[in-house]
Protein backbone atom coordinates (compact mmCIF):
# COMPACT_ATOMS: atom_id res chain seq x y z
CA UNK A 1 53.70 -55.94 -43.78
CA UNK A 2 51.27 -58.20 -45.25
CA UNK A 3 49.97 -57.34 -48.71
CA UNK A 4 46.41 -57.83 -46.90
CA UNK A 5 46.84 -55.12 -44.56
CA UNK A 6 48.57 -52.88 -47.18
CA UNK A 7 45.70 -52.87 -49.58
CA UNK A 8 43.70 -52.24 -45.91
CA UNK A 9 45.43 -48.53 -45.42
CA UNK A 10 48.46 -49.97 -43.31
CA UNK A 11 49.03 -51.36 -39.67
CA UNK A 12 47.74 -48.23 -38.08
CA UNK A 13 44.52 -48.10 -40.03
CA UNK A 14 43.87 -51.39 -39.62
CA UNK A 15 44.85 -51.66 -35.80
CA UNK A 16 42.49 -48.30 -35.30
CA UNK A 17 39.55 -49.90 -36.79
CA UNK A 18 40.00 -53.17 -34.80
CA UNK A 19 39.74 -50.79 -31.62
CA UNK A 20 36.50 -49.52 -33.00
CA UNK A 21 35.06 -52.71 -33.41
CA UNK A 22 36.76 -54.08 -29.82
CA UNK A 23 34.97 -51.33 -28.10
CA UNK A 24 31.62 -52.19 -29.99
CA UNK A 25 31.61 -55.66 -29.05
CA UNK A 26 32.65 -54.64 -25.31
CA UNK A 27 29.41 -52.70 -25.51
CA UNK A 28 27.07 -54.60 -27.13
CA UNK A 29 28.22 -58.32 -26.25
CA UNK A 30 30.79 -58.55 -22.88
CA UNK A 31 29.04 -55.96 -20.82
CA UNK A 32 25.37 -57.31 -21.04
CA UNK A 33 26.80 -60.64 -20.57
CA UNK A 34 28.80 -59.44 -17.52
CA UNK A 35 25.57 -57.80 -16.14
CA UNK A 36 23.25 -60.50 -16.54
CA UNK A 37 25.24 -64.11 -16.84
CA UNK A 38 25.98 -65.84 -13.58
CA UNK A 39 29.75 -65.65 -14.04
CA UNK A 40 31.63 -66.84 -10.88
CA UNK A 41 28.65 -68.73 -9.37
CA UNK A 42 31.15 -71.23 -7.48
CA UNK A 43 30.39 -70.69 -4.03
CA UNK A 44 28.26 -73.18 -1.89
CA UNK A 45 26.38 -71.64 0.39
CA UNK A 46 26.74 -72.42 4.62
CA UNK A 47 22.69 -73.78 5.07
CA UNK A 48 20.74 -73.57 7.98
CA UNK A 49 17.43 -74.62 8.07
CA UNK A 50 14.68 -74.05 11.10
CA UNK A 51 11.67 -76.06 10.15
CA UNK A 52 9.17 -74.76 13.07
CA UNK A 53 6.39 -75.37 10.97
CA UNK A 54 7.50 -78.74 10.09
CA UNK A 55 6.81 -78.66 6.37
CA UNK A 56 10.41 -79.23 4.65
CA UNK A 57 12.67 -82.66 4.15
CA UNK A 58 15.38 -80.87 6.03
CA UNK A 59 18.37 -83.14 4.68
CA UNK A 60 16.66 -83.24 1.14
CA UNK A 61 16.45 -79.64 0.93
CA UNK A 62 19.73 -78.97 2.46
CA UNK A 63 21.29 -81.18 -0.15
CA UNK A 64 19.26 -79.08 -2.95
CA UNK A 65 20.28 -75.46 -1.58
CA UNK A 66 23.78 -76.46 -1.39
CA UNK A 67 23.49 -77.22 -4.83
CA UNK A 68 22.94 -73.73 -5.85
CA UNK A 69 25.82 -71.62 -6.66
CA UNK A 70 26.59 -68.13 -5.21
CA UNK A 71 28.90 -65.35 -6.48
CA UNK A 72 30.25 -64.68 -3.21
CA UNK A 73 30.33 -66.84 0.42
CA UNK A 74 26.36 -66.81 1.81
CA UNK A 75 25.14 -67.89 4.88
CA UNK A 76 21.70 -69.00 4.08
CA UNK A 77 19.42 -69.38 6.50
CA UNK A 78 15.91 -71.25 5.69
CA UNK A 79 13.06 -70.46 8.55
CA UNK A 80 9.61 -72.03 8.27
CA UNK A 81 6.93 -70.75 10.87
CA UNK A 82 3.70 -72.16 12.44
CA UNK A 83 0.96 -70.36 12.84
CA UNK A 84 2.00 -66.75 13.77
CA UNK A 85 0.01 -64.59 16.60
CA UNK A 86 0.55 -61.50 14.38
CA UNK A 87 -2.05 -59.32 17.12
CA UNK A 88 0.80 -60.71 19.90
CA UNK A 89 3.71 -59.68 17.76
CA UNK A 90 2.20 -56.43 16.17
CA UNK A 91 1.42 -55.10 20.22
CA UNK A 92 -2.96 -55.73 19.09
CA UNK A 93 -2.36 -53.45 15.97
CA UNK A 94 -4.30 -54.19 12.48
CA UNK A 95 -2.75 -57.13 10.70
CA UNK A 96 -0.38 -55.38 8.17
CA UNK A 97 2.05 -56.72 5.64
CA UNK A 98 4.91 -55.61 8.40
CA UNK A 99 3.52 -58.70 10.67
CA UNK A 100 5.82 -61.59 8.95
CA UNK A 101 8.78 -59.02 9.20
CA UNK A 102 8.34 -58.74 12.67
CA UNK A 103 7.50 -62.15 13.69
CA UNK A 104 11.16 -62.97 11.85
CA UNK A 105 12.73 -60.42 13.75
CA UNK A 106 11.20 -61.90 17.29
CA UNK A 107 12.48 -65.53 16.31
CA UNK A 108 15.98 -64.02 15.42
CA UNK A 109 16.13 -62.14 18.68
CA UNK A 110 14.97 -65.19 20.95
CA UNK A 111 16.79 -67.95 19.12
CA UNK A 112 19.02 -67.02 16.60
CA UNK A 113 21.07 -63.85 18.02
CA UNK A 114 23.65 -64.36 15.68
CA UNK A 115 21.46 -63.51 12.85
CA UNK A 116 21.55 -59.29 14.45
CA UNK A 117 24.72 -57.87 13.27
CA UNK A 118 27.24 -57.50 16.28
CA UNK A 119 28.40 -53.89 14.97
CA UNK A 120 24.77 -52.40 14.40
CA UNK A 121 22.03 -54.13 16.27
CA UNK A 122 19.70 -52.36 13.79
CA UNK A 123 20.73 -54.83 11.24
CA UNK A 124 20.78 -58.15 9.64
CA UNK A 125 24.34 -59.72 10.60
CA UNK A 126 26.71 -59.60 7.05
CA UNK A 127 26.68 -62.44 4.81
CA UNK A 128 23.37 -63.32 5.85
CA UNK A 129 20.24 -64.46 3.82
CA UNK A 130 17.22 -65.36 5.29
CA UNK A 131 14.39 -67.22 3.14
CA UNK A 132 11.02 -67.45 5.60
CA UNK A 133 7.46 -68.53 4.30
CA UNK A 134 4.59 -69.07 6.98
CA UNK A 135 2.13 -71.79 6.15
CA UNK A 136 -0.64 -70.66 7.72
CA UNK A 137 -0.51 -67.08 7.52
CA UNK A 138 0.43 -67.47 3.55
CA UNK A 139 3.46 -65.23 4.33
CA UNK A 140 6.36 -65.33 2.09
CA UNK A 141 9.77 -63.32 3.07
CA UNK A 142 13.48 -62.57 2.24
CA UNK A 143 15.61 -60.49 4.11
CA UNK A 144 19.35 -59.40 3.59
CA UNK A 145 22.69 -58.53 5.44
CA UNK A 146 23.84 -54.56 4.35
CA UNK A 147 26.65 -56.24 2.14
CA UNK A 148 24.48 -58.52 0.40
CA UNK A 149 21.07 -56.35 0.09
CA UNK A 150 19.10 -56.18 -2.89
CA UNK A 151 16.66 -53.49 -4.42
CA UNK A 152 12.98 -54.03 -3.02
CA UNK A 153 12.17 -54.72 -6.97
CA UNK A 154 14.41 -57.71 -6.50
CA UNK A 155 13.17 -58.79 -3.41
CA UNK A 156 9.78 -59.28 -4.79
CA UNK A 157 11.04 -61.07 -7.64
CA UNK A 158 12.49 -63.25 -5.15
CA UNK A 159 9.38 -64.03 -3.49
CA UNK A 160 7.39 -64.35 -6.53
CA UNK A 161 9.81 -67.32 -7.72
CA UNK A 162 8.13 -69.46 -4.55
CA UNK A 163 4.59 -68.24 -4.75
CA UNK A 164 3.22 -70.82 -7.20
CA UNK A 165 4.74 -73.30 -5.40
CA UNK A 166 3.91 -72.72 -2.25
CA UNK A 167 0.04 -71.94 -3.12
CA UNK A 168 0.01 -75.42 -4.10
CA UNK A 169 1.98 -76.41 -0.85
CA UNK A 170 5.18 -77.47 -2.46
CA UNK A 171 7.62 -75.64 0.33
CA UNK A 172 10.69 -77.43 -0.44
CA UNK A 173 10.36 -76.43 -4.07
CA UNK A 174 9.32 -72.76 -3.26
CA UNK A 175 12.13 -72.30 -1.08
CA UNK A 176 14.73 -74.19 -3.74
CA UNK A 177 13.42 -71.63 -6.10
CA UNK A 178 13.91 -68.82 -3.96
CA UNK A 179 17.69 -69.47 -3.24
CA UNK A 180 18.01 -70.22 -6.69
CA UNK A 181 16.58 -66.65 -7.91
CA UNK A 182 18.85 -64.86 -4.98
CA UNK A 183 22.02 -66.21 -6.30
CA UNK A 184 21.29 -64.90 -9.31
CA UNK A 185 20.42 -61.53 -8.17
CA UNK A 186 23.70 -61.75 -5.49
CA UNK A 187 27.43 -60.54 -6.33
CA UNK A 188 25.91 -58.99 -9.76
CA UNK A 189 27.85 -55.36 -10.58
CA UNK A 190 24.30 -54.18 -10.42
CA UNK A 191 22.04 -55.11 -8.02
CA UNK A 192 19.29 -53.87 -8.68
CA UNK A 193 17.50 -55.76 -11.59
CA UNK A 194 15.74 -52.81 -12.78
CA UNK A 195 18.79 -50.94 -13.21
CA UNK A 196 20.83 -53.50 -14.51
CA UNK A 197 18.41 -53.83 -17.17
CA UNK A 198 18.37 -50.29 -18.01
CA UNK A 199 22.40 -50.39 -18.56
CA UNK A 200 22.22 -52.99 -20.48
CA UNK A 201 20.08 -51.26 -23.23
CA UNK A 202 21.91 -48.31 -22.80
CA UNK A 203 25.24 -50.74 -23.30
CA UNK A 204 23.23 -52.34 -26.85
CA UNK A 205 22.24 -49.02 -27.74
CA UNK A 206 25.64 -47.18 -27.40
CA UNK A 207 27.57 -50.30 -29.15
CA UNK A 208 24.42 -50.03 -32.12
CA UNK A 209 24.83 -45.73 -32.01
CA UNK A 210 28.88 -46.39 -32.34
CA UNK A 211 28.80 -49.00 -35.15
CA UNK A 212 26.49 -46.96 -37.00
CA UNK A 213 29.19 -43.57 -36.44
CA UNK A 214 31.70 -45.87 -37.73
CA UNK A 215 29.83 -46.46 -40.99
CA UNK A 216 28.46 -43.22 -41.10
CA UNK A 217 31.83 -41.15 -40.92
CA UNK A 218 32.96 -43.98 -43.44
CA UNK A 219 30.06 -43.01 -46.01
CA UNK A 220 30.17 -39.23 -45.17
CA UNK A 221 33.76 -39.11 -45.91
CA UNK A 222 33.38 -40.70 -49.23
CA UNK A 223 30.37 -38.22 -50.11
CA UNK A 224 32.73 -35.01 -48.82
CA UNK A 225 35.55 -36.12 -51.56
CA UNK A 226 33.40 -37.08 -54.20
CA UNK A 227 31.55 -33.49 -53.47
CA UNK A 228 34.97 -31.75 -53.33
CA UNK A 229 36.50 -32.90 -56.07
CA UNK A 230 33.42 -32.55 -58.45
CA UNK A 231 33.17 -28.38 -57.08
CA UNK A 232 36.89 -28.50 -57.92
CA UNK A 233 36.66 -29.49 -61.29
CA UNK A 234 34.48 -27.14 -61.76
CA UNK A 235 36.24 -24.34 -60.39
CA UNK A 236 39.20 -25.76 -62.45
CA UNK A 237 37.27 -25.88 -65.81
CA UNK A 238 35.96 -22.03 -65.19
CA UNK A 239 39.82 -21.03 -64.05
CA UNK A 240 41.03 -19.44 -67.58
CA UNK A 241 37.50 -17.87 -67.51
CA UNK A 242 37.37 -16.44 -64.10
CA UNK A 243 40.99 -14.94 -64.67
CA UNK A 244 39.55 -13.28 -68.12
CA UNK A 245 36.42 -11.67 -66.29
CA UNK A 246 38.66 -10.87 -62.99
CA UNK A 247 40.75 -8.79 -65.54
CA UNK A 248 37.88 -6.79 -66.85
CA UNK A 249 36.66 -5.97 -63.40
CA UNK A 250 37.87 -2.00 -62.92
CA UNK A 251 40.45 -1.19 -60.52
CA UNK A 252 39.85 2.20 -60.13
CA UNK A 253 37.29 2.06 -57.24
CA UNK A 254 36.27 0.36 -54.43
CA UNK A 255 34.09 -1.97 -55.51
CA UNK A 256 36.74 -3.21 -58.18
CA UNK A 257 39.18 -3.19 -55.62
CA UNK A 258 37.53 -5.28 -53.34
CA UNK A 259 36.46 -7.66 -56.21
CA UNK A 260 40.13 -7.97 -57.09
CA UNK A 261 41.37 -8.70 -53.63
CA UNK A 262 39.32 -11.56 -53.27
CA UNK A 263 40.61 -12.72 -56.72
CA UNK A 264 43.78 -12.60 -55.50
CA UNK A 265 42.90 -14.67 -52.55
CA UNK A 266 41.03 -17.27 -54.50
CA UNK A 267 44.13 -17.69 -56.69
CA UNK A 268 45.78 -18.36 -53.36
CA UNK A 269 43.19 -20.86 -52.33
CA UNK A 270 43.03 -22.41 -55.10
CA UNK A 271 47.22 -23.50 -55.04
CA UNK A 272 46.52 -24.40 -51.61
CA UNK A 273 43.55 -27.03 -52.37
CA UNK A 274 45.72 -28.14 -55.06
CA UNK A 275 48.20 -29.21 -52.39
CA UNK A 276 45.80 -30.42 -49.77
CA UNK A 277 44.18 -32.79 -52.33
CA UNK A 278 47.66 -34.18 -53.01
CA UNK A 279 48.54 -34.55 -49.42
CA UNK A 280 44.85 -36.29 -49.21
CA UNK A 281 45.68 -38.99 -51.74
CA UNK A 282 43.25 -41.96 -52.10
CA UNK A 283 42.24 -43.16 -48.64
CA UNK A 284 42.05 -47.38 -49.15
CA UNK A 285 40.26 -49.80 -46.54
CA UNK A 286 40.42 -48.94 -42.94
CA UNK A 287 41.87 -45.63 -43.86
CA UNK A 288 38.20 -44.41 -44.56
CA UNK A 289 36.82 -45.32 -41.20
CA UNK A 290 39.22 -42.53 -39.08
CA UNK A 291 37.76 -39.63 -38.24
CA UNK A 292 40.93 -37.72 -39.43
CA UNK A 293 39.80 -38.88 -43.01
CA UNK A 294 36.30 -37.65 -42.42
CA UNK A 295 37.71 -34.11 -40.91
CA UNK A 296 40.09 -33.88 -43.80
CA UNK A 297 37.51 -35.02 -46.43
CA UNK A 298 35.17 -32.27 -44.74
CA UNK A 299 37.69 -29.30 -45.21
CA UNK A 300 38.13 -30.27 -48.59
CA UNK A 301 34.63 -29.79 -49.37
CA UNK A 302 34.76 -26.48 -47.56
CA UNK A 303 37.45 -25.49 -49.32
CA UNK A 304 36.22 -26.26 -52.74
CA UNK A 305 32.51 -25.00 -51.99
CA UNK A 306 34.17 -21.06 -51.05
CA UNK A 307 36.17 -21.55 -54.52
CA UNK A 308 33.33 -22.64 -56.26
CA UNK A 309 31.17 -19.51 -54.39
CA UNK A 310 33.89 -17.41 -55.11
CA UNK A 311 34.27 -18.35 -58.52
CA UNK A 312 30.42 -17.67 -59.02
CA UNK A 313 30.56 -14.20 -57.38
CA UNK A 314 33.81 -12.93 -59.46
CA UNK A 315 32.12 -14.03 -62.20
CA UNK A 316 28.54 -12.22 -61.27
CA UNK A 317 30.73 -9.01 -60.25
CA UNK A 318 32.69 -8.89 -63.31
CA UNK A 319 29.11 -9.06 -65.07
CA UNK A 320 27.47 -6.10 -63.55
CA UNK A 321 30.49 -4.06 -63.35
CA UNK A 322 30.94 -4.18 -67.23
CA UNK A 323 27.22 -4.49 -67.86
CA UNK A 324 27.35 -7.86 -69.52
CA UNK A 325 24.79 -10.19 -70.44
CA UNK A 326 22.76 -11.02 -67.62
CA UNK A 327 23.29 -8.13 -65.39
CA UNK A 328 19.93 -7.27 -64.77
CA UNK A 329 19.64 -10.99 -62.55
CA UNK A 330 22.81 -9.86 -61.02
CA UNK A 331 21.62 -6.40 -60.14
CA UNK A 332 18.19 -7.85 -58.28
CA UNK A 333 20.15 -9.58 -56.08
CA UNK A 334 22.37 -6.82 -55.10
CA UNK A 335 19.17 -5.07 -54.21
CA UNK A 336 17.86 -7.90 -51.85
CA UNK A 337 19.69 -6.10 -48.53
CA UNK A 338 18.69 -2.60 -49.45
CA UNK A 339 15.02 -3.78 -50.11
CA UNK A 340 15.40 -5.87 -46.63
CA UNK A 341 16.12 -2.71 -44.94
CA UNK A 342 13.56 -1.09 -46.70
CA UNK A 343 11.07 -3.57 -45.36
CA UNK A 344 12.15 -3.14 -42.01
CA UNK A 345 11.66 0.70 -42.33
CA UNK A 346 8.04 -0.01 -43.31
CA UNK A 347 7.57 -2.48 -40.44
CA UNK A 348 8.57 0.07 -38.09
CA UNK A 349 6.17 2.82 -39.12
CA UNK A 350 3.73 0.03 -38.45
CA UNK A 351 4.65 -0.50 -35.21
CA UNK A 352 5.31 3.33 -34.68
CA UNK A 353 1.79 3.80 -35.65
CA UNK A 354 0.56 0.82 -33.30
CA UNK A 355 2.03 1.86 -30.34
CA UNK A 356 1.46 5.51 -30.53
CA UNK A 357 -2.30 4.79 -30.85
CA UNK A 358 -2.26 2.19 -28.14
CA UNK A 359 -0.66 5.04 -25.72
CA UNK A 360 -3.30 7.78 -27.16
CA UNK A 361 0.13 9.80 -28.15
CA UNK A 362 -0.88 12.21 -31.62
CA UNK A 363 2.20 10.98 -33.69
CA UNK A 364 2.07 11.10 -37.76
CA UNK A 365 3.57 8.31 -39.73
CA UNK A 366 2.86 9.29 -43.02
CA UNK A 367 5.98 11.22 -43.81
CA UNK A 368 7.90 8.19 -43.56
CA UNK A 369 5.56 5.70 -45.14
CA UNK A 370 6.05 8.30 -47.85
CA UNK A 371 9.35 7.71 -47.93
CA UNK A 372 9.67 4.08 -48.13
CA UNK A 373 7.33 4.57 -51.19
CA UNK A 374 9.86 6.72 -52.68
CA UNK A 375 12.87 4.26 -52.20
CA UNK A 376 11.05 1.43 -53.81
CA UNK A 377 9.95 3.81 -56.62
CA UNK A 378 13.54 4.58 -57.11
CA UNK A 379 15.13 1.14 -56.83
CA UNK A 380 12.95 0.96 -59.89
CA UNK A 381 13.90 3.71 -61.85
CA UNK A 382 17.42 2.74 -60.80
CA UNK A 383 16.75 -0.26 -63.20
CA UNK A 384 15.57 1.40 -65.87
CA UNK A 385 18.62 3.96 -65.76
CA UNK A 386 21.13 1.22 -65.86
CA UNK A 387 19.50 -0.43 -68.78
CA UNK A 388 19.28 3.19 -70.71
CA UNK A 389 23.41 3.98 -70.18
CA UNK A 390 21.94 7.13 -67.62
CA UNK A 391 23.55 5.67 -64.34
CA UNK A 392 27.28 3.59 -64.09
CA UNK A 393 27.24 0.25 -61.95
CA UNK A 394 29.56 2.10 -59.90
CA UNK A 395 27.17 5.28 -59.01
CA UNK A 396 24.29 2.52 -58.76
CA UNK A 397 26.45 1.26 -56.09
CA UNK A 398 27.17 3.96 -54.74
CA UNK A 399 23.39 5.29 -54.48
CA UNK A 400 22.50 1.90 -52.74
CA UNK A 401 25.18 2.31 -50.00
CA UNK A 402 23.71 5.72 -49.71
CA UNK A 403 20.34 4.91 -49.57
CA UNK A 404 21.32 2.06 -46.70
CA UNK A 405 22.85 4.91 -44.23
CA UNK A 406 19.58 7.00 -44.94
CA UNK A 407 17.23 3.99 -44.16
CA UNK A 408 19.17 3.38 -40.79
CA UNK A 409 19.54 7.29 -39.67
CA UNK A 410 15.34 7.33 -40.46
CA UNK A 411 14.59 4.62 -38.61
CA UNK A 412 16.61 5.56 -35.51
CA UNK A 413 14.75 9.15 -36.14
CA UNK A 414 11.37 8.09 -35.94
CA UNK A 415 12.37 5.42 -33.15
CA UNK A 416 13.49 8.46 -31.27
CA UNK A 417 10.74 11.18 -31.92
CA UNK A 418 8.01 8.38 -31.47
CA UNK A 419 9.72 7.66 -28.10
CA UNK A 420 9.70 11.14 -27.12
CA UNK A 421 6.33 11.59 -28.26
CA UNK A 422 5.12 10.27 -24.85
CA UNK A 423 6.06 12.98 -22.64
CA UNK A 424 4.97 10.46 -19.94
CA UNK A 425 7.58 9.15 -16.86
CA UNK A 426 7.00 5.73 -18.87
CA UNK A 427 7.53 7.23 -21.99
CA UNK A 428 10.68 9.31 -20.60
CA UNK A 429 12.17 6.10 -19.13
CA UNK A 430 11.33 4.30 -22.70
CA UNK A 431 13.51 6.70 -24.59
CA UNK A 432 16.36 6.48 -22.01
CA UNK A 433 16.23 3.06 -22.60
CA UNK A 434 16.33 3.34 -26.01
CA UNK A 435 19.31 5.74 -26.13
CA UNK A 436 20.90 3.32 -23.85
CA UNK A 437 20.76 -0.09 -25.63
CA UNK A 438 21.83 2.18 -29.07
CA UNK A 439 24.98 3.37 -27.39
CA UNK A 440 25.64 0.03 -26.28
CA UNK A 441 25.51 -1.29 -30.20
CA UNK A 442 22.51 -3.80 -28.80
CA UNK A 443 20.27 -3.05 -31.88
CA UNK A 444 23.45 -3.94 -34.45
CA UNK A 445 25.02 -6.19 -32.25
CA UNK A 446 27.07 -9.75 -33.19
CA UNK A 447 24.80 -11.96 -34.98
CA UNK A 448 22.44 -9.38 -36.43
CA UNK A 449 22.23 -10.77 -40.13
CA UNK A 450 20.20 -10.22 -42.98
CA UNK A 451 17.94 -12.87 -43.50
CA UNK A 452 18.13 -13.56 -47.35
CA UNK A 453 14.60 -12.22 -48.06
CA UNK A 454 12.23 -9.26 -48.66
CA UNK A 455 8.67 -8.75 -49.11
CA UNK A 456 6.94 -5.62 -49.78
CA UNK A 457 4.06 -6.55 -46.81
CA UNK A 458 3.99 -9.04 -44.16
CA UNK A 459 1.26 -11.07 -46.83
CA UNK A 460 3.40 -10.60 -49.70
CA UNK A 461 5.49 -13.35 -51.59
CA UNK A 462 8.64 -13.16 -50.56
CA UNK A 463 11.63 -12.28 -52.72
CA UNK A 464 14.82 -14.85 -51.82
CA UNK A 465 18.00 -13.19 -52.72
CA UNK A 466 21.82 -14.78 -52.22
CA UNK A 467 23.45 -12.43 -49.29
CA UNK A 468 26.80 -14.07 -50.47
CA UNK A 469 26.99 -12.96 -53.94
CA UNK A 470 26.54 -9.39 -53.26
CA UNK A 471 29.22 -7.16 -54.14
CA UNK A 472 28.55 -4.97 -51.33
CA UNK A 473 30.08 -6.55 -48.52
CA UNK A 474 27.97 -8.08 -45.80
CA UNK A 475 28.95 -10.47 -43.06
CA UNK A 476 27.92 -13.24 -45.08
CA UNK A 477 29.73 -12.48 -48.01
CA UNK A 478 32.23 -15.16 -49.57
CA UNK A 479 35.90 -13.99 -48.94
CA UNK A 480 35.74 -11.74 -46.31
CA UNK A 481 39.04 -13.26 -45.07
CA UNK A 482 40.91 -12.50 -48.46
CA UNK A 483 44.15 -10.09 -46.95
CA UNK A 484 44.17 -7.10 -48.23
CA UNK A 485 40.30 -6.97 -48.87
CA UNK A 486 39.88 -3.93 -45.77
CA UNK A 487 43.00 -2.28 -47.13
CA UNK A 488 41.14 -2.26 -51.13
CA UNK A 489 38.20 -0.47 -49.51
CA UNK A 490 39.07 1.54 -46.77
CA UNK A 491 42.81 2.42 -46.52
CA UNK A 492 42.98 4.20 -49.74
CA UNK A 493 43.69 7.86 -50.60
CA UNK A 494 40.91 10.24 -49.42
CA UNK A 495 39.33 7.86 -47.50
CA UNK A 496 37.61 8.51 -44.20
CA UNK A 497 35.63 7.20 -41.64
CA UNK A 498 31.77 8.39 -41.12
CA UNK A 499 30.50 6.10 -38.61
CA UNK A 500 27.64 4.43 -39.93
CA UNK A 501 24.98 2.61 -37.53
CA UNK A 502 25.74 -1.22 -37.52
CA UNK A 503 29.27 -1.49 -38.97
CA UNK A 504 32.03 -3.29 -37.51
CA UNK A 505 34.49 -1.74 -40.38
CA UNK A 506 33.17 1.93 -40.93
CA UNK A 507 31.88 3.20 -43.93
CA UNK A 508 33.76 5.29 -46.18
CA UNK A 509 32.59 8.62 -48.30
CA UNK A 510 33.80 9.70 -51.39
CA UNK A 511 36.90 11.54 -51.24
CA UNK A 512 39.85 13.01 -53.53
CA UNK A 513 40.02 9.35 -55.00
CA UNK A 514 36.44 9.60 -56.09
CA UNK A 515 35.68 5.99 -54.73
CA UNK A 516 32.13 5.56 -53.31
CA UNK A 517 30.97 4.44 -49.93
CA UNK A 518 31.32 0.97 -49.49
CA UNK A 519 29.82 -0.16 -46.41
CA UNK A 520 31.57 -3.34 -44.79
CA UNK A 521 29.98 -5.97 -42.76
CA UNK A 522 26.53 -3.56 -42.65
CA UNK A 523 24.06 -5.04 -40.07
CA UNK A 524 20.43 -4.96 -41.03
CA UNK A 525 18.03 -2.09 -39.35
CA UNK A 526 15.74 -4.83 -38.19
CA UNK A 527 17.60 -5.02 -34.80
CA UNK A 528 16.33 -1.62 -34.15
CA UNK A 529 12.83 -2.60 -34.87
CA UNK A 530 12.91 -5.36 -33.02
CA UNK A 531 14.65 -3.55 -30.21
CA UNK A 532 11.65 -0.40 -30.45
CA UNK A 533 8.95 -3.27 -30.19
CA UNK A 534 10.65 -4.70 -27.39
CA UNK A 535 10.77 -1.81 -25.27
CA UNK A 536 7.19 -0.40 -26.23
CA UNK A 537 5.74 -3.96 -26.14
CA UNK A 538 7.59 -5.53 -23.51
CA UNK A 539 7.53 -9.57 -23.52
CA UNK A 540 5.80 -10.71 -20.40
CA UNK A 541 6.42 -13.73 -19.32
CA UNK A 542 5.93 -16.03 -16.69
CA UNK A 543 7.03 -19.33 -15.55
CA UNK A 544 5.35 -21.42 -13.06
CA UNK A 545 7.02 -24.83 -11.83
CA UNK A 546 4.69 -27.45 -10.06
CA UNK A 547 6.24 -29.99 -8.44
CA UNK A 548 4.80 -33.56 -7.63
CA UNK A 549 6.27 -36.52 -5.64
CA UNK A 550 5.19 -39.50 -4.21
CA UNK A 551 6.07 -40.45 -0.55
CA UNK A 552 6.21 -43.93 0.72
CA UNK A 553 7.06 -45.65 3.83
CA UNK A 554 9.06 -49.08 3.67
CA UNK A 555 10.20 -49.31 7.00
CA UNK A 556 9.48 -52.88 6.65
CA UNK A 557 9.72 -53.61 11.10
CA UNK A 558 8.26 -52.06 13.59
CA UNK A 559 10.23 -50.43 16.07
CA UNK A 560 13.83 -49.21 15.26
CA UNK A 561 14.97 -51.92 13.14
CA UNK A 562 16.49 -51.05 9.98
CA UNK A 563 17.15 -54.28 8.51
CA UNK A 564 16.83 -55.03 4.85
CA UNK A 565 14.21 -57.22 3.50
CA UNK A 566 10.06 -57.23 2.64
CA UNK A 567 7.81 -59.94 2.64
CA UNK A 568 4.21 -60.39 0.75
CA UNK A 569 1.35 -62.38 0.93
CA UNK A 570 1.06 -65.94 -1.66
């Protein structure tokens, strides 16, 4: 193997890249040339000249037409017609664009029956091309056997090729131009000029897109690797400090236990990532263009990002559980899901007040609004108690859990009471639907996740928080796949299930071990609020559709003849 191939990443990588570039060349050059260029135009047509109008030099025209190369064997018939009695041809109907077509057909039936297919007399014979012109009627037409027919657009282009010459009475030149344009159109893989142009454009666009993707993969792979190394370097630099922080996390409560379970997984993933970096090595040359290289680099980046987030989470959890410097920011972030649920509770109060007013049902939401204010005031008070030492971090997290459960239960109770207050048949149906949907878990199903922001009212400023960094576990928490996380929190002495609203993993209450309740994969109460609103104010949608189409007949010939071809005026 030459040194050049080695420098470019090895024979396999070079061959793979070469194949990609060959595909680009095929799409961008070979296919368009194949569709557009006159390859194989080596067949001499069998020329027949029927100069009924005596306007061309038969010998000169024959010689010129035999010099036109076709891609297949063609019987090329030239027909010039004298003054055509169109009214006789059309049975005294008004002259229209089928007049000349019918005149050509009538000529064929009377003088050249071999122009008509023996297999089906409603079509022209196979391999036949008729180019016709009427001097005085100023008509030009082209007609084709079924095996050589072209689209109507192409027929028009063939006729247009002769019109400038016909207008100056250059009949031979016009017919030769028609024959040349016909030869360019017949035998192509795609006979329709418009379709051929469309396919050519799509092929070139695909080539450009593929070429762009090839270099994009290389660029993205390099960026992923660079970012993975940067993140991994940060994790490595903080590794010792992370171990120290993890060592300060208390292991005698559920929160500390799940933090330590994720730390154990962090160490395992760190060792795996070291091995993956070693296996990935240093790509060279063509190796960067491989899709597998991009996939491996993206995996390195994902794993490094995961470790980086785990590292930050462990630091934040240790800071709060030990009330170290900066615990206030961690606590503010920890309140995010709870405040979001309280905001949904307030939104439900507003929805209930509006819907009961619309239904003219007497219902008072003031007590629930008072509870919303109480919960918000309690969160502020908890912050002060943490600062004074009157409240421990573990007790604060326990209270957040209890508050979440309470808000879920109160929202459900409020929705049921509001629906039950409407004693009409519609109200009873709504309550039955709500109870059915709730029992089926539609208000806390998969995909019902916290949004990551909260506000005190619809018009107030949004306060964003990091779902992945909360100590209390939610569906966006980092390290949820950590082995032993479930056991560390739920399967412990004294724990039992309480079946709280919207939990994939059960809540667990305090028991003999003294460990507080920890909601796992809790779902936001927002789904219940939306479900209630949909029941009392179902969205009505109507779909309307209209179809438009154009109709047009292009029989081309009078009677039942269905042969391909058309004519136009010049």
